[in-house]
Amino acid sequence: MTVIAVFNQKGGVGKTTTALNLAAALSRHGRAPACIDLDPQAQLSAATGVLAHAGEDSIYGLFQRNRCLAELLKVSPNGMRIIPAHIELAKVEALYGKGYNAINKLNMSLHAEKAVSGNTRWVIDCCPLVGVLSLNAIFASDGLIVPVSADYLSMQGAVQIGKTLKALEHVLKRRVNRRYLVTRFDTRRGMSNDILRLAQKEFGEDVCETVIAENVSLAQSPALQKNIFEFAPSSHGAHDYDALLTELLADGFIK
């Protein structure tokens, strides 16, 4: 089982787009992923056409009623398996605190699920805040993808995440494997190349060779509840996310 979390503290960087289309790329390659929407805004849930009408039927049910993940999995119209989010997720930190048991809950549930589901690849879409929900994803993950849109504020958010992960190492007793993915890359803008160079200087080999080009199809497809391979299979966006998966499989980031 491989658990991949997609996280950046800044919104609008392509986090949900990456979770959606990386999962779709895995499906295309016969690796049958399951997704978890861990963001109270439920954007991944909406993009897949799977909405929870009550908190207990979303990933919130894990925290509220200790429901097992298999019970919460739903299948989207296009066949993608997902545990949706619900606005009640926003209550988790206030209701259950920030103790170790609270931030390790998803990790424990995924370990229990491994005995049942075997070698499932899980893709987690995180909320853009460092809190109980995102820490659950980090604690549970084998690898973290940090989308960095080609702008300076996004780069600052990525640097801050690196500091957060460094601070967590003594608790996790390991270094979180991570990849920084430059998104919204536009060769016509000098800033895009500047951000890529800054990321490579700051994060070295943790920066993906693949970049995700600015592509209108990537922005349009979620509105129709489609991933990029369904909406525009010949687009640059589809090519880029297929190339990203190829890279992550080749270097062992996803097994």
Protein backbone atom coordinates (compact mmCIF):
# COMPACT_ATOMS: atom_id res chain seq x y z
CA MET A 1 0.00 0.00 0.00
CA THR A 2 1.23 3.47 -0.90
CA VAL A 3 -0.33 6.58 0.63
CA ILE A 4 0.30 9.87 -1.16
CA ALA A 5 -0.86 13.19 0.31
CA VAL A 6 -1.13 16.36 -1.76
CA PHE A 7 -0.60 19.48 0.34
CA ASN A 8 0.41 23.11 0.27
CA GLN A 9 -0.45 25.77 2.83
CA LYS A 10 -1.43 28.14 0.04
CA GLY A 11 -4.66 27.69 -1.91
CA GLY A 12 -4.97 27.96 -5.67
CA VAL A 13 -1.77 26.06 -6.45
CA GLY A 14 -3.29 23.03 -8.18
CA LYS A 15 -3.63 20.81 -5.11
CA THR A 16 -7.05 19.32 -5.90
CA THR A 17 -6.26 19.28 -9.63
CA THR A 18 -3.17 17.21 -8.88
CA ALA A 19 -4.97 14.80 -6.54
CA LEU A 20 -7.77 14.28 -9.08
CA ASN A 21 -5.57 13.76 -12.11
CA LEU A 22 -2.84 11.75 -10.41
CA ALA A 23 -5.55 9.35 -9.22
CA ALA A 24 -6.98 9.26 -12.74
CA ALA A 25 -3.54 8.53 -14.18
CA LEU A 26 -3.13 5.65 -11.71
CA SER A 27 -6.48 4.24 -12.84
CA ARG A 28 -5.41 4.45 -16.48
CA HIS A 29 -2.32 2.43 -15.61
CA GLY A 30 -4.37 -0.27 -13.87
CA ARG A 31 -3.41 0.64 -10.31
CA ALA A 32 -6.94 1.19 -8.93
CA PRO A 33 -6.42 4.03 -6.44
CA ALA A 34 -8.72 5.20 -3.69
CA CYS A 35 -9.01 8.89 -2.80
CA ILE A 36 -9.70 10.68 0.46
CA ASP A 37 -10.98 14.26 0.43
CA LEU A 38 -9.62 15.71 3.66
CA ASP A 39 -10.66 19.30 2.94
CA PRO A 40 -13.91 20.70 4.43
CA GLN A 41 -14.39 22.63 1.16
CA ALA A 42 -14.97 19.21 -0.50
CA GLN A 43 -13.63 20.31 -3.88
CA LEU A 44 -12.30 16.88 -4.82
CA SER A 45 -15.66 15.38 -3.86
CA ALA A 46 -17.45 17.88 -6.11
CA ALA A 47 -15.01 17.29 -8.98
CA THR A 48 -15.72 13.56 -8.89
CA GLY A 49 -19.47 13.96 -8.47
CA VAL A 50 -19.53 12.29 -5.05
CA LEU A 51 -21.00 14.45 -2.30
CA ALA A 52 -21.74 13.36 1.27
CA HIS A 53 -25.15 14.53 2.44
CA ALA A 54 -24.25 14.03 6.10
CA GLY A 55 -20.99 14.39 7.97
CA GLU A 56 -21.04 10.83 9.22
CA ASP A 57 -21.04 9.55 5.62
CA SER A 58 -17.87 11.47 4.81
CA ILE A 59 -14.33 11.12 6.15
CA TYR A 60 -15.70 13.00 9.17
CA GLY A 61 -17.36 9.70 10.12
CA LEU A 62 -13.89 8.34 10.92
CA PHE A 63 -13.35 11.03 13.55
CA GLN A 64 -16.94 11.22 14.78
CA ARG A 65 -17.93 7.54 14.93
CA ASN A 66 -14.68 5.70 14.24
CA ARG A 67 -16.19 4.30 11.05
CA CYS A 68 -13.80 2.15 9.02
CA LEU A 69 -12.59 3.47 5.70
CA ALA A 70 -14.13 0.65 3.67
CA GLU A 71 -17.60 1.68 4.92
CA LEU A 72 -17.04 5.26 3.78
CA LEU A 73 -15.73 4.54 0.28
CA LYS A 74 -18.06 5.55 -2.54
CA VAL A 75 -17.75 5.10 -6.29
CA SER A 76 -17.97 8.09 -8.61
CA PRO A 77 -19.93 8.02 -11.89
CA ASN A 78 -16.67 7.38 -13.75
CA GLY A 79 -15.65 4.54 -11.42
CA MET A 80 -13.19 6.33 -9.14
CA ARG A 81 -13.31 5.28 -5.48
CA ILE A 82 -13.39 8.16 -3.04
CA ILE A 83 -14.19 8.97 0.55
CA PRO A 84 -15.83 12.39 0.27
CA ALA A 85 -15.49 15.37 2.57
CA HIS A 86 -18.16 17.40 4.35
CA ILE A 87 -18.21 20.87 5.87
CA GLU A 88 -18.41 19.27 9.33
CA LEU A 89 -14.74 18.34 8.93
CA ALA A 90 -14.03 21.90 9.99
CA LYS A 91 -15.10 20.89 13.52
CA VAL A 92 -12.46 18.20 13.97
CA GLU A 93 -9.80 20.31 15.62
CA ALA A 94 -12.21 22.00 18.04
CA LEU A 95 -13.95 18.75 19.01
CA TYR A 96 -11.07 16.29 19.18
CA GLY A 97 -8.04 18.44 19.93
CA LYS A 98 -4.48 18.22 18.67
CA GLY A 99 -3.18 15.27 20.68
CA TYR A 100 -1.28 12.38 19.16
CA ASN A 101 -4.35 10.14 18.97
CA ALA A 102 -6.23 12.81 17.03
CA ILE A 103 -3.50 13.42 14.47
CA ASN A 104 -2.66 9.72 14.07
CA LYS A 105 -6.25 8.54 13.54
CA LEU A 106 -6.14 8.30 9.75
CA ASN A 107 -2.79 6.54 9.86
CA MET A 108 -4.15 3.87 12.20
CA SER A 109 -7.24 3.42 10.04
CA LEU A 110 -5.19 3.02 6.88
CA HIS A 111 -3.02 0.39 8.56
CA ALA A 112 -6.17 -1.51 9.54
CA GLU A 113 -7.46 -1.17 5.98
CA LYS A 114 -4.21 -2.55 4.56
CA ALA A 115 -4.96 -5.96 6.03
CA VAL A 116 -8.22 -5.97 4.10
CA SER A 117 -7.52 -4.16 0.83
CA GLY A 118 -3.88 -5.11 0.26
CA ASN A 119 -1.85 -3.03 -2.18
CA THR A 120 -4.24 -0.13 -2.72
CA ARG A 121 -2.75 3.25 -3.64
CA TRP A 122 -4.37 6.03 -1.65
CA VAL A 123 -4.36 9.68 -2.75
CA ILE A 124 -5.28 12.27 -0.10
CA ASP A 125 -6.34 15.81 -0.98
CA CYS A 126 -5.50 18.03 2.02
CA CYS A 127 -6.92 21.32 3.22
CA PRO A 128 -4.58 24.33 2.80
CA LEU A 129 -3.85 24.75 6.52
CA VAL A 130 -1.41 23.17 8.94
CA GLY A 131 -3.79 21.65 11.47
CA VAL A 132 -5.22 18.35 12.65
CA LEU A 133 -6.51 17.36 9.21
CA SER A 134 -3.32 18.03 7.27
CA LEU A 135 -1.24 16.47 10.05
CA ASN A 136 -3.38 13.34 9.79
CA ALA A 137 -2.46 13.17 6.11
CA ILE A 138 1.25 13.76 6.77
CA PHE A 139 1.36 11.13 9.53
CA ALA A 140 -0.38 8.62 7.27
CA SER A 141 1.56 9.31 4.09
CA ASP A 142 4.44 7.45 2.52
CA GLY A 143 5.03 10.47 0.34
CA LEU A 144 3.94 14.10 0.13
CA ILE A 145 3.43 16.00 -3.12
CA VAL A 146 3.67 19.77 -2.70
CA PRO A 147 2.22 21.62 -5.70
CA VAL A 148 3.95 24.97 -6.21
CA SER A 149 2.26 27.27 -8.70
CA ALA A 150 4.71 29.42 -10.61
CA ASP A 151 4.47 32.46 -8.34
CA TYR A 152 6.44 33.75 -5.37
CA LEU A 153 3.72 33.42 -2.72
CA SER A 154 3.27 29.76 -3.54
CA MET A 155 7.02 29.27 -3.29
CA GLN A 156 6.98 30.88 0.17
CA GLY A 157 4.28 28.42 1.24
CA ALA A 158 6.39 25.51 0.01
CA VAL A 159 9.41 26.74 1.99
CA GLN A 160 7.27 26.94 5.11
CA ILE A 161 6.07 23.38 4.57
CA GLY A 162 9.69 22.25 4.47
CA LYS A 163 10.23 23.83 7.88
CA THR A 164 7.07 22.18 9.23
CA LEU A 165 8.18 18.77 7.99
CA LYS A 166 11.62 19.27 9.52
CA ALA A 167 10.01 20.05 12.88
CA LEU A 168 7.89 16.90 12.66
CA GLU A 169 10.79 14.54 12.05
CA HIS A 170 11.46 13.93 15.75
CA VAL A 171 7.81 12.93 16.24
CA LEU A 172 7.54 10.81 13.10
CA LYS A 173 11.05 9.40 13.59
CA ARG A 174 11.57 9.60 9.85
CA ARG A 175 11.97 12.10 7.05
CA VAL A 176 8.77 12.49 5.06
CA ASN A 177 9.51 11.58 1.46
CA ARG A 178 8.38 14.53 -0.67
CA ARG A 179 8.23 15.92 -4.17
CA TYR A 180 7.72 19.55 -5.12
CA LEU A 181 5.66 19.86 -8.29
CA VAL A 182 5.72 23.16 -10.19
CA THR A 183 2.24 23.88 -11.60
CA ARG A 184 0.66 26.58 -13.77
CA PHE A 185 3.97 26.76 -15.62
CA ASP A 186 3.89 29.18 -18.56
CA THR A 187 6.99 29.36 -20.75
CA ARG A 188 5.90 32.83 -21.91
CA ARG A 189 6.41 34.22 -18.41
CA GLY A 190 9.92 34.65 -17.12
CA MET A 191 8.62 34.22 -13.60
CA SER A 192 7.75 30.58 -14.29
CA ASN A 193 11.37 29.76 -15.03
CA ASP A 194 12.48 31.86 -12.05
CA ILE A 195 10.24 29.86 -9.70
CA LEU A 196 11.45 26.57 -11.15
CA ARG A 197 15.07 27.60 -10.58
CA LEU A 198 14.30 28.80 -7.05
CA ALA A 199 12.58 25.51 -6.25
CA GLN A 200 15.51 23.50 -7.60
CA LYS A 201 17.94 25.58 -5.57
CA GLU A 202 15.86 25.28 -2.38
CA PHE A 203 14.70 21.67 -2.64
CA GLY A 204 17.24 20.00 -4.94
CA GLU A 205 16.38 16.50 -6.10
CA ASP A 206 13.00 16.66 -4.39
CA VAL A 207 11.71 18.84 -7.25
CA CYS A 208 9.91 16.87 -9.95
CA GLU A 209 11.40 16.99 -13.42
CA THR A 210 7.85 17.13 -14.75
CA VAL A 211 6.13 20.50 -14.66
CA ILE A 212 2.40 21.05 -15.12
CA ALA A 213 1.83 23.64 -17.81
CA GLU A 214 -0.86 26.31 -17.55
CA ASN A 215 -3.77 24.67 -19.34
CA VAL A 216 -7.37 25.83 -19.59
CA SER A 217 -8.66 22.25 -19.84
CA LEU A 218 -7.33 21.51 -16.35
CA ALA A 219 -9.42 24.39 -15.02
CA GLN A 220 -12.55 23.46 -16.97
CA SER A 221 -12.74 19.71 -16.40
CA PRO A 222 -13.79 19.68 -12.69
CA ALA A 223 -16.88 21.77 -13.50
CA LEU A 224 -18.07 18.86 -15.64
CA GLN A 225 -17.07 16.30 -12.99
CA LYS A 226 -14.40 14.89 -15.25
CA ASN A 227 -10.69 14.34 -14.91
CA ILE A 228 -8.36 15.64 -17.59
CA PHE A 229 -8.09 12.27 -19.36
CA GLU A 230 -11.86 12.14 -19.83
CA PHE A 231 -12.28 15.82 -20.70
CA ALA A 232 -9.30 16.49 -22.95
CA PRO A 233 -7.15 13.37 -23.42
CA SER A 234 -4.94 15.03 -26.04
CA SER A 235 -4.32 18.18 -24.00
CA HIS A 236 -1.04 19.33 -22.50
CA GLY A 237 -2.62 18.78 -19.07
CA ALA A 238 -3.27 15.09 -19.78
CA HIS A 239 0.25 14.66 -21.13
CA ASP A 240 1.78 16.36 -18.10
CA TYR A 241 -0.06 14.29 -15.49
CA ASP A 242 0.71 11.08 -17.36
CA ALA A 243 4.37 12.12 -17.41
CA LEU A 244 4.23 12.91 -13.70
CA LEU A 245 2.96 9.45 -12.83
CA THR A 246 5.62 7.86 -15.06
CA GLU A 247 8.30 9.83 -13.20
CA LEU A 248 6.95 8.96 -9.73
CA LEU A 249 6.71 5.27 -10.58
CA ALA A 250 10.20 5.23 -12.10
CA ASP A 251 11.90 6.70 -9.03
CA GLY A 252 9.93 4.55 -6.58
CA PHE A 253 7.99 7.42 -5.02
CA ILE A 254 4.81 5.48 -5.82
CA LYS A 255 5.08 1.71 -5.60
